[in-house]
Amino acid sequence: MPRRIDHDRRAVAASIISRHPRESVAVFIGGSAVVMICANALFLQPGPHPAPILARSSAPPPRLSTVLTPLSPAPIAQPARFEPVPAAVLPPARPQAAAPAAKPKLAAAPEPARQDPIAQLLTPTKRITAVQRILAAYGYGQIKPTGVLDNATEDAIRKFETSRKMPVTGQVSEQLVRALSAMSGQQIE
C-alpha cells in the first residue's frame, strides 16, 4: 500500500507542475534560494556574526534590588586653606606700563561686500521669487516660488527667452525682468 500512496503523490505533483509550469519553477528557485541562504548562515561562515540579532549576554541580568537601590551622595571636597606665600619666594615685580588713553570709538565702517557668486545664488531674493511667480502663472514651468535660482527656474527662464526670441541665458537679467514686467503688468524690484 505505501507504493500506491507514493505513486498518487507523484501524480498529483506532476499534474500541478504540468498545469502551472512558471509558478512551479518560481517556487523551486525560491525554495533553493532559502535553502542556500540557511546553509550559508549555519554552516559556511567562519565564526559568529559580529552583531547578532539574538545575542545572549554572558552577564546575568541585573537583579531588581540592585536597580532600585538609591545612590549615596558623593562626599563634598573641602576647599584648601589659603596660606600666604612668603615674600622671599615671590619673584620681583616688574613695573607695569601705563595703559594708553582710550581713544573715542568712531562708528564702525561697513565691511566691504564680498563677491561670493555661490552665496548670491543660494540666498533667496524677492526678485527671483517674483520672476518665479510670473513664469509659473504664465505656464513656463511648474515652479515653486522659493526665491532661489534652481534648475527648474533656469529651464523656465530659457523657455521664456526662447519664446520671446531673446538671448537664451537661463539667468535673471535686466532684459528678462523688463520683459516679464511688461508682459504681466507687475513691477519687479
Protein backbone atom coordinates (compact mmCIF):
# COMPACT_ATOMS: atom_id res chain seq x y z
CA MET A 1 0.00 0.00 0.00
CA PRO A 2 2.78 2.52 0.66
CA ARG A 3 3.78 2.36 -3.01
CA ARG A 4 0.31 3.36 -4.10
CA ILE A 5 0.26 6.42 -1.81
CA ASP A 6 3.72 7.41 -3.04
CA HIS A 7 2.58 6.96 -6.64
CA ASP A 8 -0.54 9.09 -6.02
CA ARG A 9 1.55 11.90 -4.53
CA ARG A 10 3.86 11.88 -7.54
CA ALA A 11 0.91 12.01 -9.90
CA VAL A 12 -0.60 14.97 -8.04
CA ALA A 13 2.74 16.81 -8.04
CA ALA A 14 3.26 16.11 -11.76
CA SER A 15 -0.21 17.36 -12.61
CA ILE A 16 0.34 20.57 -10.61
CA ILE A 17 3.70 21.17 -12.30
CA SER A 18 2.24 20.49 -15.76
CA ARG A 19 -0.67 22.88 -15.15
CA HIS A 20 1.46 25.70 -13.66
CA PRO A 21 5.00 25.45 -15.04
CA ARG A 22 6.07 29.07 -14.39
CA GLU A 23 4.83 29.09 -10.84
CA SER A 24 6.45 25.72 -10.18
CA VAL A 25 9.80 26.96 -11.43
CA ALA A 26 9.46 30.10 -9.29
CA VAL A 27 8.66 28.03 -6.18
CA PHE A 28 11.61 25.74 -6.90
CA ILE A 29 14.03 28.67 -7.35
CA GLY A 30 12.69 30.43 -4.24
CA GLY A 31 12.97 27.27 -2.15
CA SER A 32 16.50 26.66 -3.42
CA ALA A 33 17.48 30.22 -2.51
CA VAL A 34 16.11 29.82 1.02
CA VAL A 35 17.98 26.53 1.47
CA MET A 36 21.23 28.06 0.19
CA ILE A 37 20.90 31.10 2.47
CA CYS A 38 20.24 28.92 5.51
CA ALA A 39 23.15 26.58 4.66
CA ASN A 40 25.45 29.59 4.22
CA ALA A 41 24.37 31.16 7.50
CA LEU A 42 24.56 27.95 9.53
CA PHE A 43 27.49 26.01 8.08
CA LEU A 44 29.68 28.11 5.78
CA GLN A 45 30.55 31.11 7.99
CA PRO A 46 33.97 31.05 9.70
CA GLY A 47 32.76 32.48 13.02
CA PRO A 48 29.83 34.14 14.75
CA HIS A 49 28.28 37.22 13.25
CA PRO A 50 29.88 40.45 14.58
CA ALA A 51 26.48 41.85 15.53
CA PRO A 52 23.99 39.03 16.04
CA ILE A 53 20.33 39.87 16.38
CA LEU A 54 19.55 37.36 19.11
CA ALA A 55 22.78 37.56 21.09
CA ARG A 56 22.93 36.19 24.58
CA SER A 57 24.80 38.22 27.11
CA SER A 58 27.32 36.38 29.24
CA ALA A 59 26.49 38.60 32.23
CA PRO A 60 23.37 37.69 34.23
CA PRO A 61 20.52 40.19 34.09
CA PRO A 62 20.60 42.77 36.89
CA ARG A 63 18.53 41.98 39.95
CA LEU A 64 15.67 44.28 40.71
CA SER A 65 17.05 45.12 44.12
CA THR A 66 20.31 46.43 42.62
CA VAL A 67 18.46 48.55 40.14
CA LEU A 68 16.25 50.21 42.77
CA THR A 69 18.88 50.93 45.42
CA PRO A 70 19.36 54.66 46.00
CA LEU A 71 22.72 56.14 45.29
CA SER A 72 24.66 57.56 48.18
CA PRO A 73 25.71 61.20 47.79
CA ALA A 74 29.34 61.77 46.90
CA PRO A 75 31.43 63.44 49.57
CA ILE A 76 31.91 67.16 49.03
CA ALA A 77 35.54 68.18 48.78
CA GLN A 78 36.52 70.92 51.20
CA PRO A 79 38.47 73.85 49.73
CA ALA A 80 42.12 74.03 50.65
CA ARG A 81 43.13 76.60 53.23
CA PHE A 82 44.74 79.73 51.90
CA GLU A 83 48.17 80.32 53.26
CA PRO A 84 50.12 83.39 52.18
CA VAL A 85 53.39 82.81 50.33
CA PRO A 86 56.43 84.42 51.98
CA ALA A 87 57.79 87.47 50.12
CA ALA A 88 61.19 85.84 49.75
CA VAL A 89 59.67 83.19 47.45
CA LEU A 90 57.88 85.63 45.11
CA PRO A 91 59.73 86.98 42.04
CA PRO A 92 60.43 90.73 41.93
CA ALA A 93 57.56 92.71 40.49
CA ARG A 94 58.05 94.37 37.10
CA PRO A 95 56.86 97.90 36.69
CA GLN A 96 53.78 97.99 34.51
CA ALA A 97 53.45 100.48 31.68
CA ALA A 98 50.56 102.85 31.93
CA ALA A 99 47.65 101.90 29.74
CA PRO A 100 47.25 104.19 26.74
CA ALA A 101 44.40 106.65 26.93
CA ALA A 102 41.27 105.25 25.37
CA LYS A 103 40.56 106.78 22.01
CA PRO A 104 36.99 107.68 21.25
CA LYS A 105 35.48 104.98 19.04
CA LEU A 106 34.25 106.04 15.67
CA ALA A 107 31.29 104.42 14.03
CA ALA A 108 32.40 101.14 12.55
CA ALA A 109 32.85 101.32 8.82
CA PRO A 110 30.66 98.85 6.99
CA GLU A 111 32.53 95.79 5.82
CA PRO A 112 33.07 95.70 2.09
CA ALA A 113 30.58 93.48 0.34
CA ARG A 114 32.06 90.14 -0.56
CA GLN A 115 31.76 88.99 -4.10
CA ASP A 116 30.57 85.43 -3.48
CA PRO A 117 28.60 84.27 -6.51
CA ILE A 118 27.64 80.94 -4.94
CA ALA A 119 26.19 82.64 -1.85
CA GLN A 120 24.28 85.02 -4.10
CA LEU A 121 22.77 82.06 -5.99
CA LEU A 122 21.75 80.29 -2.78
CA THR A 123 20.34 83.33 -0.99
CA PRO A 124 16.59 83.73 -1.56
CA THR A 125 15.67 87.09 -3.06
CA LYS A 126 12.37 88.87 -3.66
CA ARG A 127 13.31 89.50 -7.27
CA ILE A 128 13.75 85.80 -8.07
CA THR A 129 10.54 85.00 -6.18
CA ALA A 130 8.62 87.50 -8.33
CA VAL A 131 10.18 86.09 -11.53
CA GLN A 132 9.25 82.55 -10.46
CA ARG A 133 5.66 83.54 -9.72
CA ILE A 134 5.19 85.26 -13.08
CA LEU A 135 6.79 82.41 -15.03
CA ALA A 136 4.60 79.86 -13.23
CA ALA A 137 1.46 81.97 -13.74
CA TYR A 138 2.06 82.23 -17.48
CA GLY A 139 2.78 78.50 -17.91
CA TYR A 140 6.53 78.44 -18.40
CA GLY A 141 7.01 75.67 -15.85
CA GLN A 142 5.80 74.26 -12.56
CA ILE A 143 7.99 76.35 -10.31
CA LYS A 144 7.71 76.82 -6.58
CA PRO A 145 8.43 80.46 -5.68
CA THR A 146 11.34 79.81 -3.31
CA GLY A 147 13.48 82.80 -4.19
CA VAL A 148 16.41 80.55 -5.13
CA LEU A 149 17.60 80.22 -8.71
CA ASP A 150 17.35 76.45 -9.18
CA ASN A 151 17.37 74.22 -12.27
CA ALA A 152 13.59 74.37 -12.77
CA THR A 153 13.68 78.18 -12.69
CA GLU A 154 16.58 78.30 -15.16
CA ASP A 155 14.67 75.97 -17.52
CA ALA A 156 11.56 78.17 -17.30
CA ILE A 157 13.67 81.28 -17.99
CA ARG A 158 15.18 79.56 -21.05
CA LYS A 159 11.68 78.66 -22.33
CA PHE A 160 10.55 82.27 -21.87
CA GLU A 161 13.67 83.67 -23.57
CA THR A 162 13.26 81.25 -26.47
CA SER A 163 9.58 82.14 -26.94
CA ARG A 164 10.41 85.87 -26.92
CA LYS A 165 13.44 85.47 -29.22
CA MET A 166 15.76 86.84 -26.55
CA PRO A 167 19.35 85.65 -25.99
CA VAL A 168 19.00 82.36 -24.08
CA THR A 169 20.94 82.64 -20.80
CA GLY A 170 18.75 80.99 -18.15
CA GLN A 171 19.69 83.77 -15.73
CA VAL A 172 17.71 86.64 -14.21
CA SER A 173 18.86 89.64 -16.22
CA GLU A 174 17.59 93.20 -16.57
CA GLN A 175 16.23 92.40 -20.03
CA LEU A 176 14.30 89.41 -18.63
CA VAL A 177 12.89 91.47 -15.75
CA ARG A 178 11.74 94.23 -18.14
CA ALA A 179 10.08 91.68 -20.46
CA LEU A 180 8.31 89.92 -17.58
CA SER A 181 7.17 93.26 -16.13
CA ALA A 182 5.78 94.36 -19.49
CA MET A 183 4.03 91.02 -20.03
CA SER A 184 2.46 90.78 -16.56
CA GLY A 185 1.93 94.46 -15.81
CA GLN A 186 3.63 93.97 -12.42
CA GLN A 187 6.69 95.90 -11.32
CA ILE A 188 9.57 93.57 -10.36
CA GLU A 189 12.09 95.06 -7.95
